[in-house]
Protein backbone atom coordinates (compact mmCIF):
# COMPACT_ATOMS: atom_id res chain seq x y z
CA MET A 1 88.60 62.18 109.42
CA ALA A 2 91.93 60.48 109.03
CA ASN A 3 92.42 60.66 105.28
CA LYS A 4 90.95 60.13 101.84
CA ARG A 5 91.88 56.44 101.69
CA ASP A 6 90.14 55.67 104.99
CA LEU A 7 87.00 57.50 103.89
CA LYS A 8 86.89 55.49 100.66
CA LYS A 9 87.29 52.28 102.67
CA ASP A 10 84.46 53.31 105.01
CA ILE A 11 82.17 54.02 102.05
CA ASN A 12 83.03 50.67 100.50
CA TYR A 13 82.53 48.69 103.72
CA VAL A 14 79.28 50.36 104.78
CA LEU A 15 77.57 50.11 101.42
CA GLY A 16 78.99 46.64 100.78
CA ASP A 17 77.54 45.46 104.08
CA ILE A 18 74.16 46.95 103.17
CA ILE A 19 74.14 45.11 99.83
CA GLU A 20 75.18 41.92 101.59
CA ALA A 21 72.30 42.36 104.06
CA VAL A 22 69.87 42.58 101.13
CA TYR A 23 71.28 39.34 99.69
CA VAL A 24 70.92 37.64 103.08
CA TRP A 25 67.32 38.82 103.26
CA GLU A 26 66.68 37.45 99.76
CA LEU A 27 68.10 34.06 100.73
CA ALA A 28 65.99 33.92 103.88
CA ASN A 29 62.80 35.08 102.15
CA ALA A 30 61.66 33.38 98.94
CA GLU A 31 65.21 32.92 97.60
CA LYS A 32 64.69 35.33 94.72
CA PRO A 33 65.11 39.08 94.29
CA THR A 34 62.11 41.33 94.55
CA LYS A 35 61.60 44.74 93.01
CA GLU A 36 62.06 46.33 96.42
CA SER A 37 65.30 44.52 97.22
CA ASN A 38 66.71 45.27 93.77
CA ALA A 39 65.81 48.93 94.27
CA ILE A 40 67.74 49.02 97.55
CA ILE A 41 70.80 47.48 95.87
CA ASP A 42 70.56 49.97 93.00
CA GLU A 43 70.26 52.84 95.47
CA ALA A 44 73.28 51.59 97.43
CA ILE A 45 75.35 51.44 94.23
CA ALA A 46 74.22 54.93 93.21
CA THR A 47 75.09 56.21 96.69
CA PHE A 48 78.53 54.60 96.43
CA ASP A 49 79.17 56.24 93.05
CA ASP A 50 77.96 59.62 94.30
CA LEU A 51 80.05 59.59 97.49
CA ILE A 52 83.23 58.38 95.76
CA ALA A 53 82.82 61.17 93.19
CA LYS A 54 82.55 63.67 96.04
CA VAL A 55 85.66 62.24 97.74
CA ASN A 56 87.61 62.56 94.50
CA ASP A 57 86.47 66.17 93.95
CA ARG A 58 89.64 68.23 94.18
CA SER A 59 87.93 71.62 94.10
CA ALA A 60 87.02 71.63 97.80
CA GLU A 61 88.61 74.49 99.71
CA ASP A 62 88.57 72.99 103.21
CA LYS A 63 89.39 69.29 102.84
CA LYS A 64 88.68 68.44 106.47
CA ALA A 65 85.19 69.97 106.39
CA HIS A 66 84.53 68.44 102.96
CA PHE A 67 85.44 64.93 104.13
CA LYS A 68 83.45 65.38 107.35
CA SER A 69 80.34 66.33 105.36
CA ILE A 70 80.82 63.25 103.14
CA ASN A 71 81.15 61.07 106.23
CA ASN A 72 77.95 62.55 107.68
CA GLU A 73 76.16 61.97 104.37
CA LEU A 74 77.36 58.35 104.36
CA GLU A 75 75.92 57.85 107.85
CA SER A 76 72.54 59.38 107.00
CA ARG A 77 72.14 57.63 103.64
CA GLY A 78 73.32 54.35 105.16
CA ARG A 79 70.70 54.60 107.89
CA GLU A 80 68.00 55.26 105.28
CA LEU A 81 69.03 52.16 103.35
CA ILE A 82 69.08 50.05 106.52
CA GLU A 83 65.57 51.26 107.38
CA LYS A 84 64.42 50.20 103.92
CA ILE A 85 65.93 46.74 104.43
CA ASN A 86 64.12 46.46 107.77
CA LYS A 87 60.82 47.33 106.04
CA LEU A 88 61.16 44.58 103.43
CA GLY A 89 58.33 42.20 103.96
């Protein structure tokens, strides 16, 4: 992990792309939000808030390990959200 700023950018880009993918799906399918697509967007926003709060937590002893665990959590939660987008019908 390079630094705190890069991790924040990664969180922003990944979750922003996921939200954008939901909007693209909405435009391609019925042109209006569904409960499922809104739930994915809400979950992405909640994930963003949670991960940024963890990045800004100054009480971590080992910064490198702390940031690595946040990065791993971003990957796993991002994959879960992408799977939910793929299941939208």
